Amino acid sequence: VYLQMNSLEPEDTAVYYCAADAHGTDWYA
């Protein structure tokens, strides 16, 4: 999975974490 980040701002500074879950349906986000 990807996260394209454009027009970055100083407020975007952080540790970014990826997460996964197998529950739900194909409408689940």
mmCIF file of all heavy atoms, coordinates in Angstrom:
data_MODEL
# 
_entry.id   MODEL 
# 
loop_
_atom_site.group_PDB 
_atom_site.id 
_atom_site.type_symbol 
_atom_site.label_atom_id 
_atom_site.label_alt_id 
_atom_site.label_comp_id 
_atom_site.label_asym_id 
_atom_site.label_entity_id 
_atom_site.label_seq_id 
_atom_site.pdbx_PDB_ins_code 
_atom_site.Cartn_x 
_atom_site.Cartn_y 
_atom_site.Cartn_z 
_atom_site.occupancy 
_atom_site.B_iso_or_equiv 
_atom_site.pdbx_formal_charge 
_atom_site.auth_seq_id 
_atom_site.auth_comp_id 
_atom_site.auth_asym_id 
_atom_site.auth_atom_id 
_atom_site.pdbx_PDB_model_num 
ATOM 1   N N   . VAL A 1 1  ? 0.859   -1.174 0.000  1.00 0.00 ? 1  VAL A N   1 
ATOM 2   C CA  . VAL A 1 1  ? 0.000   0.000  0.000  1.00 0.00 ? 1  VAL A CA  1 
ATOM 3   C C   . VAL A 1 1  ? 0.901   1.231  0.000  1.00 0.00 ? 1  VAL A C   1 
ATOM 4   O O   . VAL A 1 1  ? 1.996   1.209  0.561  1.00 0.00 ? 1  VAL A O   1 
ATOM 5   C CB  . VAL A 1 1  ? -0.961  -0.004 1.207  1.00 0.00 ? 1  VAL A CB  1 
ATOM 6   C CG1 . VAL A 1 1  ? -0.215  0.060  2.524  1.00 0.00 ? 1  VAL A CG1 1 
ATOM 7   C CG2 . VAL A 1 1  ? -1.977  1.107  1.115  1.00 0.00 ? 1  VAL A CG2 1 
ATOM 8   N N   . TYR A 1 2  ? 0.419   2.279  -0.651 1.00 0.00 ? 2  TYR A N   1 
ATOM 9   C CA  . TYR A 1 2  ? 1.220   3.495  -0.816 1.00 0.00 ? 2  TYR A CA  1 
ATOM 10  C C   . TYR A 1 2  ? 0.474   4.703  -0.260 1.00 0.00 ? 2  TYR A C   1 
ATOM 11  O O   . TYR A 1 2  ? -0.754  4.723  -0.185 1.00 0.00 ? 2  TYR A O   1 
ATOM 12  C CB  . TYR A 1 2  ? 1.502   3.741  -2.299 1.00 0.00 ? 2  TYR A CB  1 
ATOM 13  C CG  . TYR A 1 2  ? 2.169   2.597  -2.999 1.00 0.00 ? 2  TYR A CG  1 
ATOM 14  C CD1 . TYR A 1 2  ? 1.416   1.680  -3.738 1.00 0.00 ? 2  TYR A CD1 1 
ATOM 15  C CD2 . TYR A 1 2  ? 3.542   2.413  -2.933 1.00 0.00 ? 2  TYR A CD2 1 
ATOM 16  C CE1 . TYR A 1 2  ? 2.014   0.617  -4.381 1.00 0.00 ? 2  TYR A CE1 1 
ATOM 17  C CE2 . TYR A 1 2  ? 4.159   1.354  -3.578 1.00 0.00 ? 2  TYR A CE2 1 
ATOM 18  C CZ  . TYR A 1 2  ? 3.381   0.463  -4.300 1.00 0.00 ? 2  TYR A CZ  1 
ATOM 19  O OH  . TYR A 1 2  ? 3.988   -0.594 -4.934 1.00 0.00 ? 2  TYR A OH  1 
ATOM 20  N N   . LEU A 1 3  ? 1.248   5.715  0.100  1.00 0.00 ? 3  LEU A N   1 
ATOM 21  C CA  . LEU A 1 3  ? 0.679   7.008  0.465  1.00 0.00 ? 3  LEU A CA  1 
ATOM 22  C C   . LEU A 1 3  ? 1.496   8.076  -0.255 1.00 0.00 ? 3  LEU A C   1 
ATOM 23  O O   . LEU A 1 3  ? 2.651   8.331  0.107  1.00 0.00 ? 3  LEU A O   1 
ATOM 24  C CB  . LEU A 1 3  ? 0.710   7.244  1.976  1.00 0.00 ? 3  LEU A CB  1 
ATOM 25  C CG  . LEU A 1 3  ? 0.023   8.534  2.426  1.00 0.00 ? 3  LEU A CG  1 
ATOM 26  C CD1 . LEU A 1 3  ? -1.494  8.430  2.200  1.00 0.00 ? 3  LEU A CD1 1 
ATOM 27  C CD2 . LEU A 1 3  ? 0.308   8.824  3.897  1.00 0.00 ? 3  LEU A CD2 1 
ATOM 28  N N   . GLN A 1 4  ? 0.904   8.649  -1.297 1.00 0.00 ? 4  GLN A N   1 
ATOM 29  C CA  . GLN A 1 4  ? 1.542   9.748  -2.010 1.00 0.00 ? 4  GLN A CA  1 
ATOM 30  C C   . GLN A 1 4  ? 1.183   11.043 -1.299 1.00 0.00 ? 4  GLN A C   1 
ATOM 31  O O   . GLN A 1 4  ? 0.000   11.363 -1.153 1.00 0.00 ? 4  GLN A O   1 
ATOM 32  C CB  . GLN A 1 4  ? 1.063   9.800  -3.464 1.00 0.00 ? 4  GLN A CB  1 
ATOM 33  C CG  . GLN A 1 4  ? 1.640   10.943 -4.272 1.00 0.00 ? 4  GLN A CG  1 
ATOM 34  C CD  . GLN A 1 4  ? 3.132   10.830 -4.475 1.00 0.00 ? 4  GLN A CD  1 
ATOM 35  O OE1 . GLN A 1 4  ? 3.639   9.760  -4.772 1.00 0.00 ? 4  GLN A OE1 1 
ATOM 36  N NE2 . GLN A 1 4  ? 3.844   11.943 -4.302 1.00 0.00 ? 4  GLN A NE2 1 
ATOM 37  N N   . MET A 1 5  ? 2.209   11.772 -0.863 1.00 0.00 ? 5  MET A N   1 
ATOM 38  C CA  . MET A 1 5  ? 1.993   12.991 -0.103 1.00 0.00 ? 5  MET A CA  1 
ATOM 39  C C   . MET A 1 5  ? 2.559   14.168 -0.883 1.00 0.00 ? 5  MET A C   1 
ATOM 40  O O   . MET A 1 5  ? 3.768   14.231 -1.127 1.00 0.00 ? 5  MET A O   1 
ATOM 41  C CB  . MET A 1 5  ? 2.675   12.882 1.271  1.00 0.00 ? 5  MET A CB  1 
ATOM 42  C CG  . MET A 1 5  ? 2.240   11.667 2.065  1.00 0.00 ? 5  MET A CG  1 
ATOM 43  S SD  . MET A 1 5  ? 2.911   11.629 3.746  1.00 0.00 ? 5  MET A SD  1 
ATOM 44  C CE  . MET A 1 5  ? 4.647   11.456 3.391  1.00 0.00 ? 5  MET A CE  1 
ATOM 45  N N   . ASN A 1 6  ? 1.690   15.065 -1.282 1.00 0.00 ? 6  ASN A N   1 
ATOM 46  C CA  . ASN A 1 6  ? 2.078   16.266 -2.024 1.00 0.00 ? 6  ASN A CA  1 
ATOM 47  C C   . ASN A 1 6  ? 1.794   17.506 -1.187 1.00 0.00 ? 6  ASN A C   1 
ATOM 48  O O   . ASN A 1 6  ? 1.045   17.463 -0.216 1.00 0.00 ? 6  ASN A O   1 
ATOM 49  C CB  . ASN A 1 6  ? 1.317   16.332 -3.344 1.00 0.00 ? 6  ASN A CB  1 
ATOM 50  C CG  . ASN A 1 6  ? 1.603   15.164 -4.257 1.00 0.00 ? 6  ASN A CG  1 
ATOM 51  O OD1 . ASN A 1 6  ? 2.705   14.593 -4.248 1.00 0.00 ? 6  ASN A OD1 1 
ATOM 52  N ND2 . ASN A 1 6  ? 0.620   14.784 -5.050 1.00 0.00 ? 6  ASN A ND2 1 
ATOM 53  N N   . SER A 1 7  ? 2.385   18.620 -1.603 1.00 0.00 ? 7  SER A N   1 
ATOM 54  C CA  . SER A 1 7  ? 2.174   19.902 -0.919 1.00 0.00 ? 7  SER A CA  1 
ATOM 55  C C   . SER A 1 7  ? 2.349   19.759 0.590  1.00 0.00 ? 7  SER A C   1 
ATOM 56  O O   . SER A 1 7  ? 1.517   20.217 1.376  1.00 0.00 ? 7  SER A O   1 
ATOM 57  C CB  . SER A 1 7  ? 0.771   20.446 -1.237 1.00 0.00 ? 7  SER A CB  1 
ATOM 58  O OG  . SER A 1 7  ? 0.599   20.608 -2.629 1.00 0.00 ? 7  SER A OG  1 
ATOM 59  N N   . LEU A 1 8  ? 3.417   19.130 0.969  1.00 0.00 ? 8  LEU A N   1 
ATOM 60  C CA  . LEU A 1 8  ? 3.647   18.860 2.383  1.00 0.00 ? 8  LEU A CA  1 
ATOM 61  C C   . LEU A 1 8  ? 3.837   20.146 3.178  1.00 0.00 ? 8  LEU A C   1 
ATOM 62  O O   . LEU A 1 8  ? 4.405   21.135 2.674  1.00 0.00 ? 8  LEU A O   1 
ATOM 63  C CB  . LEU A 1 8  ? 4.855   17.946 2.556  1.00 0.00 ? 8  LEU A CB  1 
ATOM 64  C CG  . LEU A 1 8  ? 4.566   16.469 2.258  1.00 0.00 ? 8  LEU A CG  1 
ATOM 65  C CD1 . LEU A 1 8  ? 5.840   15.703 1.985  1.00 0.00 ? 8  LEU A CD1 1 
ATOM 66  C CD2 . LEU A 1 8  ? 3.798   15.847 3.405  1.00 0.00 ? 8  LEU A CD2 1 
ATOM 67  N N   . GLU A 1 9  ? 3.355   20.101 4.404  1.00 0.00 ? 9  GLU A N   1 
ATOM 68  C CA  . GLU A 1 9  ? 3.416   21.245 5.315  1.00 0.00 ? 9  GLU A CA  1 
ATOM 69  C C   . GLU A 1 9  ? 4.164   20.830 6.578  1.00 0.00 ? 9  GLU A C   1 
ATOM 70  O O   . GLU A 1 9  ? 4.191   19.633 6.921  1.00 0.00 ? 9  GLU A O   1 
ATOM 71  C CB  . GLU A 1 9  ? 1.992   21.683 5.671  1.00 0.00 ? 9  GLU A CB  1 
ATOM 72  C CG  . GLU A 1 9  ? 1.127   22.017 4.479  1.00 0.00 ? 9  GLU A CG  1 
ATOM 73  C CD  . GLU A 1 9  ? -0.342  22.129 4.856  1.00 0.00 ? 9  GLU A CD  1 
ATOM 74  O OE1 . GLU A 1 9  ? -0.703  21.813 6.004  1.00 0.00 ? 9  GLU A OE1 1 
ATOM 75  O OE2 . GLU A 1 9  ? -1.131  22.538 3.972  1.00 0.00 ? 9  GLU A OE2 1 
ATOM 76  N N   . PRO A 1 10 ? 4.765   21.785 7.289  1.00 0.00 ? 10 PRO A N   1 
ATOM 77  C CA  . PRO A 1 10 ? 5.449   21.430 8.538  1.00 0.00 ? 10 PRO A CA  1 
ATOM 78  C C   . PRO A 1 10 ? 4.544   20.672 9.512  1.00 0.00 ? 10 PRO A C   1 
ATOM 79  O O   . PRO A 1 10 ? 5.026   19.818 10.265 1.00 0.00 ? 10 PRO A O   1 
ATOM 80  C CB  . PRO A 1 10 ? 5.865   22.792 9.096  1.00 0.00 ? 10 PRO A CB  1 
ATOM 81  C CG  . PRO A 1 10 ? 6.047   23.645 7.883  1.00 0.00 ? 10 PRO A CG  1 
ATOM 82  C CD  . PRO A 1 10 ? 4.979   23.205 6.926  1.00 0.00 ? 10 PRO A CD  1 
ATOM 83  N N   . GLU A 1 11 ? 3.238   20.960 9.467  1.00 0.00 ? 11 GLU A N   1 
ATOM 84  C CA  . GLU A 1 11 ? 2.288   20.271 10.348 1.00 0.00 ? 11 GLU A CA  1 
ATOM 85  C C   . GLU A 1 11 ? 2.132   18.787 10.015 1.00 0.00 ? 11 GLU A C   1 
ATOM 86  O O   . GLU A 1 11 ? 1.540   18.031 10.782 1.00 0.00 ? 11 GLU A O   1 
ATOM 87  C CB  . GLU A 1 11 ? 0.915   20.937 10.273 1.00 0.00 ? 11 GLU A CB  1 
ATOM 88  C CG  . GLU A 1 11 ? 0.864   22.361 10.837 1.00 0.00 ? 11 GLU A CG  1 
ATOM 89  C CD  . GLU A 1 11 ? 1.546   23.396 9.947  1.00 0.00 ? 11 GLU A CD  1 
ATOM 90  O OE1 . GLU A 1 11 ? 1.700   23.134 8.721  1.00 0.00 ? 11 GLU A OE1 1 
ATOM 91  O OE2 . GLU A 1 11 ? 1.917   24.455 10.466 1.00 0.00 ? 11 GLU A OE2 1 
ATOM 92  N N   . ASP A 1 12 ? 2.634   18.363 8.875  1.00 0.00 ? 12 ASP A N   1 
ATOM 93  C CA  . ASP A 1 12 ? 2.596   16.943 8.496  1.00 0.00 ? 12 ASP A CA  1 
ATOM 94  C C   . ASP A 1 12 ? 3.742   16.151 9.127  1.00 0.00 ? 12 ASP A C   1 
ATOM 95  O O   . ASP A 1 12 ? 3.794   14.929 8.987  1.00 0.00 ? 12 ASP A O   1 
ATOM 96  C CB  . ASP A 1 12 ? 2.670   16.791 6.981  1.00 0.00 ? 12 ASP A CB  1 
ATOM 97  C CG  . ASP A 1 12 ? 1.461   17.399 6.273  1.00 0.00 ? 12 ASP A CG  1 
ATOM 98  O OD1 . ASP A 1 12 ? 0.336   17.198 6.755  1.00 0.00 ? 12 ASP A OD1 1 
ATOM 99  O OD2 . ASP A 1 12 ? 1.657   18.081 5.246  1.00 0.00 ? 12 ASP A OD2 1 
ATOM 100 N N   . THR A 1 13 ? 4.653   16.824 9.796  1.00 0.00 ? 13 THR A N   1 
ATOM 101 C CA  . THR A 1 13 ? 5.776   16.148 10.439 1.00 0.00 ? 13 THR A CA  1 
ATOM 102 C C   . THR A 1 13 ? 5.277   15.191 11.513 1.00 0.00 ? 13 THR A C   1 
ATOM 103 O O   . THR A 1 13 ? 4.518   15.583 12.404 1.00 0.00 ? 13 THR A O   1 
ATOM 104 C CB  . THR A 1 13 ? 6.727   17.185 11.063 1.00 0.00 ? 13 THR A CB  1 
ATOM 105 O OG1 . THR A 1 13 ? 7.311   17.969 10.027 1.00 0.00 ? 13 THR A OG1 1 
ATOM 106 C CG2 . THR A 1 13 ? 7.824   16.493 11.859 1.00 0.00 ? 13 THR A CG2 1 
ATOM 107 N N   . ALA A 1 14 ? 5.669   13.927 11.392 1.00 0.00 ? 14 ALA A N   1 
ATOM 108 C CA  . ALA A 1 14 ? 5.214   12.892 12.328 1.00 0.00 ? 14 ALA A CA  1 
ATOM 109 C C   . ALA A 1 14 ? 5.869   11.563 11.949 1.00 0.00 ? 14 ALA A C   1 
ATOM 110 O O   . ALA A 1 14 ? 6.495   11.458 10.885 1.00 0.00 ? 14 ALA A O   1 
ATOM 111 C CB  . ALA A 1 14 ? 3.702   12.733 12.260 1.00 0.00 ? 14 ALA A CB  1 
ATOM 112 N N   . VAL A 1 15 ? 5.679   10.586 12.811 1.00 0.00 ? 15 VAL A N   1 
ATOM 113 C CA  . VAL A 1 15 ? 5.975   9.203  12.432 1.00 0.00 ? 15 VAL A CA  1 
ATOM 114 C C   . VAL A 1 15 ? 4.711   8.653  11.788 1.00 0.00 ? 15 VAL A C   1 
ATOM 115 O O   . VAL A 1 15 ? 3.620   8.750  12.362 1.00 0.00 ? 15 VAL A O   1 
ATOM 116 C CB  . VAL A 1 15 ? 6.368   8.359  13.645 1.00 0.00 ? 15 VAL A CB  1 
ATOM 117 C CG1 . VAL A 1 15 ? 6.593   6.910  13.231 1.00 0.00 ? 15 VAL A CG1 1 
ATOM 118 C CG2 . VAL A 1 15 ? 7.631   8.928  14.300 1.00 0.00 ? 15 VAL A CG2 1 
ATOM 119 N N   . TYR A 1 16 ? 4.869   8.086  10.609 1.00 0.00 ? 16 TYR A N   1 
ATOM 120 C CA  . TYR A 1 16 ? 3.735   7.551  9.868  1.00 0.00 ? 16 TYR A CA  1 
ATOM 121 C C   . TYR A 1 16 ? 3.712   6.027  10.005 1.00 0.00 ? 16 TYR A C   1 
ATOM 122 O O   . TYR A 1 16 ? 4.723   5.365  9.771  1.00 0.00 ? 16 TYR A O   1 
ATOM 123 C CB  . TYR A 1 16 ? 3.826   7.950  8.397  1.00 0.00 ? 16 TYR A CB  1 
ATOM 124 C CG  . TYR A 1 16 ? 3.395   9.381  8.182  1.00 0.00 ? 16 TYR A CG  1 
ATOM 125 C CD1 . TYR A 1 16 ? 4.183   10.436 8.626  1.00 0.00 ? 16 TYR A CD1 1 
ATOM 126 C CD2 . TYR A 1 16 ? 2.188   9.685  7.545  1.00 0.00 ? 16 TYR A CD2 1 
ATOM 127 C CE1 . TYR A 1 16 ? 3.781   11.760 8.454  1.00 0.00 ? 16 TYR A CE1 1 
ATOM 128 C CE2 . TYR A 1 16 ? 1.778   10.998 7.366  1.00 0.00 ? 16 TYR A CE2 1 
ATOM 129 C CZ  . TYR A 1 16 ? 2.582   12.026 7.827  1.00 0.00 ? 16 TYR A CZ  1 
ATOM 130 O OH  . TYR A 1 16 ? 2.181   13.334 7.657  1.00 0.00 ? 16 TYR A OH  1 
ATOM 131 N N   . TYR A 1 17 ? 2.530   5.514  10.348 1.00 0.00 ? 17 TYR A N   1 
ATOM 132 C CA  . TYR A 1 17 ? 2.350   4.088  10.580 1.00 0.00 ? 17 TYR A CA  1 
ATOM 133 C C   . TYR A 1 17 ? 1.371   3.495  9.576  1.00 0.00 ? 17 TYR A C   1 
ATOM 134 O O   . TYR A 1 17 ? 0.335   4.090  9.273  1.00 0.00 ? 17 TYR A O   1 
ATOM 135 C CB  . TYR A 1 17 ? 1.795   3.841  11.981 1.00 0.00 ? 17 TYR A CB  1 
ATOM 136 C CG  . TYR A 1 17 ? 2.717   4.254  13.095 1.00 0.00 ? 17 TYR A CG  1 
ATOM 137 C CD1 . TYR A 1 17 ? 2.641   5.530  13.642 1.00 0.00 ? 17 TYR A CD1 1 
ATOM 138 C CD2 . TYR A 1 17 ? 3.660   3.372  13.609 1.00 0.00 ? 17 TYR A CD2 1 
ATOM 139 C CE1 . TYR A 1 17 ? 3.482   5.923  14.673 1.00 0.00 ? 17 TYR A CE1 1 
ATOM 140 C CE2 . TYR A 1 17 ? 4.505   3.748  14.640 1.00 0.00 ? 17 TYR A CE2 1 
ATOM 141 C CZ  . TYR A 1 17 ? 4.408   5.020  15.159 1.00 0.00 ? 17 TYR A CZ  1 
ATOM 142 O OH  . TYR A 1 17 ? 5.243   5.403  16.185 1.00 0.00 ? 17 TYR A OH  1 
ATOM 143 N N   . CYS A 1 18 ? 1.685   2.307  9.132  1.00 0.00 ? 18 CYS A N   1 
ATOM 144 C CA  . CYS A 1 18 ? 0.803   1.527  8.286  1.00 0.00 ? 18 CYS A CA  1 
ATOM 145 C C   . CYS A 1 18 ? 0.038   0.541  9.173  1.00 0.00 ? 18 CYS A C   1 
ATOM 146 O O   . CYS A 1 18 ? 0.601   0.030  10.149 1.00 0.00 ? 18 CYS A O   1 
ATOM 147 C CB  . CYS A 1 18 ? 1.667   0.771  7.268  1.00 0.00 ? 18 CYS A CB  1 
ATOM 148 S SG  . CYS A 1 18 ? 0.807   -0.372 6.215  1.00 0.00 ? 18 CYS A SG  1 
ATOM 149 N N   . ALA A 1 19 ? -1.224  0.276  8.840  1.00 0.00 ? 19 ALA A N   1 
ATOM 150 C CA  . ALA A 1 19 ? -2.037  -0.648 9.628  1.00 0.00 ? 19 ALA A CA  1 
ATOM 151 C C   . ALA A 1 19 ? -2.877  -1.516 8.709  1.00 0.00 ? 19 ALA A C   1 
ATOM 152 O O   . ALA A 1 19 ? -3.227  -1.104 7.598  1.00 0.00 ? 19 ALA A O   1 
ATOM 153 C CB  . ALA A 1 19 ? -2.934  0.145  10.574 1.00 0.00 ? 19 ALA A CB  1 
ATOM 154 N N   . ALA A 1 20 ? -3.216  -2.708 9.197  1.00 0.00 ? 20 ALA A N   1 
ATOM 155 C CA  . ALA A 1 20 ? -3.986  -3.663 8.393  1.00 0.00 ? 20 ALA A CA  1 
ATOM 156 C C   . ALA A 1 20 ? -5.058  -4.330 9.244  1.00 0.00 ? 20 ALA A C   1 
ATOM 157 O O   . ALA A 1 20 ? -4.858  -4.575 10.439 1.00 0.00 ? 20 ALA A O   1 
ATOM 158 C CB  . ALA A 1 20 ? -3.057  -4.728 7.811  1.00 0.00 ? 20 ALA A CB  1 
ATOM 159 N N   . ASP A 1 21 ? -6.175  -4.644 8.591  1.00 0.00 ? 21 ASP A N   1 
ATOM 160 C CA  . ASP A 1 21 ? -7.235  -5.373 9.277  1.00 0.00 ? 21 ASP A CA  1 
ATOM 161 C C   . ASP A 1 21 ? -7.995  -6.234 8.281  1.00 0.00 ? 21 ASP A C   1 
ATOM 162 O O   . ASP A 1 21 ? -8.317  -5.790 7.180  1.00 0.00 ? 21 ASP A O   1 
ATOM 163 C CB  . ASP A 1 21 ? -8.194  -4.406 9.964  1.00 0.00 ? 21 ASP A CB  1 
ATOM 164 C CG  . ASP A 1 21 ? -9.151  -5.155 10.862 1.00 0.00 ? 21 ASP A CG  1 
ATOM 165 O OD1 . ASP A 1 21 ? -8.747  -5.537 11.965 1.00 0.00 ? 21 ASP A OD1 1 
ATOM 166 O OD2 . ASP A 1 21 ? -10.300 -5.387 10.440 1.00 0.00 ? 21 ASP A OD2 1 
ATOM 167 N N   . ALA A 1 22 ? -8.288  -7.476 8.708  1.00 0.00 ? 22 ALA A N   1 
ATOM 168 C CA  . ALA A 1 22 ? -8.913  -8.449 7.809  1.00 0.00 ? 22 ALA A CA  1 
ATOM 169 C C   . ALA A 1 22 ? -10.418 -8.517 7.948  1.00 0.00 ? 22 ALA A C   1 
ATOM 170 O O   . ALA A 1 22 ? -11.045 -9.326 7.259  1.00 0.00 ? 22 ALA A O   1 
ATOM 171 C CB  . ALA A 1 22 ? -8.323  -9.835 8.062  1.00 0.00 ? 22 ALA A CB  1 
ATOM 172 N N   . HIS A 1 23 ? -11.018 -7.712 8.805  1.00 0.00 ? 23 HIS A N   1 
ATOM 173 C CA  . HIS A 1 23 ? -12.459 -7.785 8.977  1.00 0.00 ? 23 HIS A CA  1 
ATOM 174 C C   . HIS A 1 23 ? -13.165 -6.902 7.963  1.00 0.00 ? 23 HIS A C   1 
ATOM 175 O O   . HIS A 1 23 ? -12.554 -6.115 7.272  1.00 0.00 ? 23 HIS A O   1 
ATOM 176 C CB  . HIS A 1 23 ? -12.832 -7.363 10.403 1.00 0.00 ? 23 HIS A CB  1 
ATOM 177 C CG  . HIS A 1 23 ? -12.206 -8.230 11.442 1.00 0.00 ? 23 HIS A CG  1 
ATOM 178 N ND1 . HIS A 1 23 ? -10.978 -7.940 12.006 1.00 0.00 ? 23 HIS A ND1 1 
ATOM 179 C CD2 . HIS A 1 23 ? -12.601 -9.400 11.994 1.00 0.00 ? 23 HIS A CD2 1 
ATOM 180 C CE1 . HIS A 1 23 ? -10.670 -8.894 12.869 1.00 0.00 ? 23 HIS A CE1 1 
ATOM 181 N NE2 . HIS A 1 23 ? -11.635 -9.792 12.883 1.00 0.00 ? 23 HIS A NE2 1 
ATOM 182 N N   . GLY A 1 24 ? -14.448 -7.016 7.903  1.00 0.00 ? 24 GLY A N   1 
ATOM 183 C CA  . GLY A 1 24 ? -15.242 -6.140 7.069  1.00 0.00 ? 24 GLY A CA  1 
ATOM 184 C C   . GLY A 1 24 ? -15.407 -6.639 5.651  1.00 0.00 ? 24 GLY A C   1 
ATOM 185 O O   . GLY A 1 24 ? -15.193 -7.806 5.351  1.00 0.00 ? 24 GLY A O   1 
ATOM 186 N N   . THR A 1 25 ? -15.760 -5.719 4.776  1.00 0.00 ? 25 THR A N   1 
ATOM 187 C CA  . THR A 1 25 ? -16.043 -6.043 3.384  1.00 0.00 ? 25 THR A CA  1 
ATOM 188 C C   . THR A 1 25 ? -15.206 -5.137 2.489  1.00 0.00 ? 25 THR A C   1 
ATOM 189 O O   . THR A 1 25 ? -14.375 -4.371 2.960  1.00 0.00 ? 25 THR A O   1 
ATOM 190 C CB  . THR A 1 25 ? -17.525 -5.793 3.073  1.00 0.00 ? 25 THR A CB  1 
ATOM 191 O OG1 . THR A 1 25 ? -17.765 -4.367 3.116  1.00 0.00 ? 25 THR A OG1 1 
ATOM 192 C CG2 . THR A 1 25 ? -18.424 -6.483 4.088  1.00 0.00 ? 25 THR A CG2 1 
ATOM 193 N N   . ASP A 1 26 ? -15.450 -5.217 1.215  1.00 0.00 ? 26 ASP A N   1 
ATOM 194 C CA  . ASP A 1 26 ? -14.711 -4.370 0.284  1.00 0.00 ? 26 ASP A CA  1 
ATOM 195 C C   . ASP A 1 26 ? -15.171 -2.911 0.321  1.00 0.00 ? 26 ASP A C   1 
ATOM 196 O O   . ASP A 1 26 ? -14.685 -2.088 -0.436 1.00 0.00 ? 26 ASP A O   1 
ATOM 197 C CB  . ASP A 1 26 ? -14.830 -4.924 -1.134 1.00 0.00 ? 26 ASP A CB  1 
ATOM 198 C CG  . ASP A 1 26 ? -13.767 -4.359 -2.059 1.00 0.00 ? 26 ASP A CG  1 
ATOM 199 O OD1 . ASP A 1 26 ? -12.726 -3.868 -1.555 1.00 0.00 ? 26 ASP A OD1 1 
ATOM 200 O OD2 . ASP A 1 26 ? -13.964 -4.381 -3.282 1.00 0.00 ? 26 ASP A OD2 1 
ATOM 201 N N   . TRP A 1 27 ? -16.101 -2.594 1.214  1.00 0.00 ? 27 TRP A N   1 
ATOM 202 C CA  . TRP A 1 27 ? -16.480 -1.197 1.438  1.00 0.00 ? 27 TRP A CA  1 
ATOM 203 C C   . TRP A 1 27 ? -15.899 -0.686 2.753  1.00 0.00 ? 27 TRP A C   1 
ATOM 204 O O   . TRP A 1 27 ? -16.215 0.397  3.202  1.00 0.00 ? 27 TRP A O   1 
ATOM 205 C CB  . TRP A 1 27 ? -18.005 -1.051 1.474  1.00 0.00 ? 27 TRP A CB  1 
ATOM 206 C CG  . TRP A 1 27 ? -18.605 -1.312 0.139  1.00 0.00 ? 27 TRP A CG  1 
ATOM 207 C CD1 . TRP A 1 27 ? -19.251 -2.433 -0.266 1.00 0.00 ? 27 TRP A CD1 1 
ATOM 208 C CD2 . TRP A 1 27 ? -18.578 -0.438 -0.995 1.00 0.00 ? 27 TRP A CD2 1 
ATOM 209 N NE1 . TRP A 1 27 ? -19.644 -2.311 -1.577 1.00 0.00 ? 27 TRP A NE1 1 
ATOM 210 C CE2 . TRP A 1 27 ? -19.241 -1.103 -2.053 1.00 0.00 ? 27 TRP A CE2 1 
ATOM 211 C CE3 . TRP A 1 27 ? -18.052 0.851  -1.224 1.00 0.00 ? 27 TRP A CE3 1 
ATOM 212 C CZ2 . TRP A 1 27 ? -19.403 -0.524 -3.305 1.00 0.00 ? 27 TRP A CZ2 1 
ATOM 213 C CZ3 . TRP A 1 27 ? -18.228 1.425  -2.473 1.00 0.00 ? 27 TRP A CZ3 1 
ATOM 214 C CH2 . TRP A 1 27 ? -18.884 0.741  -3.493 1.00 0.00 ? 27 TRP A CH2 1 
ATOM 215 N N   . TYR A 1 28 ? -15.050 -1.494 3.372  1.00 0.00 ? 28 TYR A N   1 
ATOM 216 C CA  . TYR A 1 28 ? -14.532 -1.224 4.706  1.00 0.00 ? 28 TYR A CA  1 
ATOM 217 C C   . TYR A 1 28 ? -13.197 -0.503 4.617  1.00 0.00 ? 28 TYR A C   1 
ATOM 218 O O   . TYR A 1 28 ? -12.223 -1.050 4.088  1.00 0.00 ? 28 TYR A O   1 
ATOM 219 C CB  . TYR A 1 28 ? -14.372 -2.569 5.414  1.00 0.00 ? 28 TYR A CB  1 
ATOM 220 C CG  . TYR A 1 28 ? -13.944 -2.532 6.846  1.00 0.00 ? 28 TYR A CG  1 
ATOM 221 C CD1 . TYR A 1 28 ? -14.754 -1.991 7.845  1.00 0.00 ? 28 TYR A CD1 1 
ATOM 222 C CD2 . TYR A 1 28 ? -12.742 -3.107 7.245  1.00 0.00 ? 28 TYR A CD2 1 
ATOM 223 C CE1 . TYR A 1 28 ? -14.366 -2.008 9.170  1.00 0.00 ? 28 TYR A CE1 1 
ATOM 224 C CE2 . TYR A 1 28 ? -12.348 -3.132 8.561  1.00 0.00 ? 28 TYR A CE2 1 
ATOM 225 C CZ  . TYR A 1 28 ? -13.166 -2.582 9.525  1.00 0.00 ? 28 TYR A CZ  1 
ATOM 226 O OH  . TYR A 1 28 ? -12.792 -2.609 10.835 1.00 0.00 ? 28 TYR A OH  1 
ATOM 227 N N   . ALA A 1 29 ? -13.159 0.720  5.103  1.00 0.00 ? 29 ALA A N   1 
ATOM 228 C CA  . ALA A 1 29 ? -11.927 1.516  5.120  1.00 0.00 ? 29 ALA A CA  1 
ATOM 229 C C   . ALA A 1 29 ? -11.955 2.355  6.388  1.00 0.00 ? 29 ALA A C   1 
ATOM 230 O O   . ALA A 1 29 ? -12.177 3.577  6.349  1.00 0.00 ? 29 ALA A O   1 
ATOM 231 C CB  . ALA A 1 29 ? -11.837 2.402  3.881  1.00 0.00 ? 29 ALA A CB  1 
# 
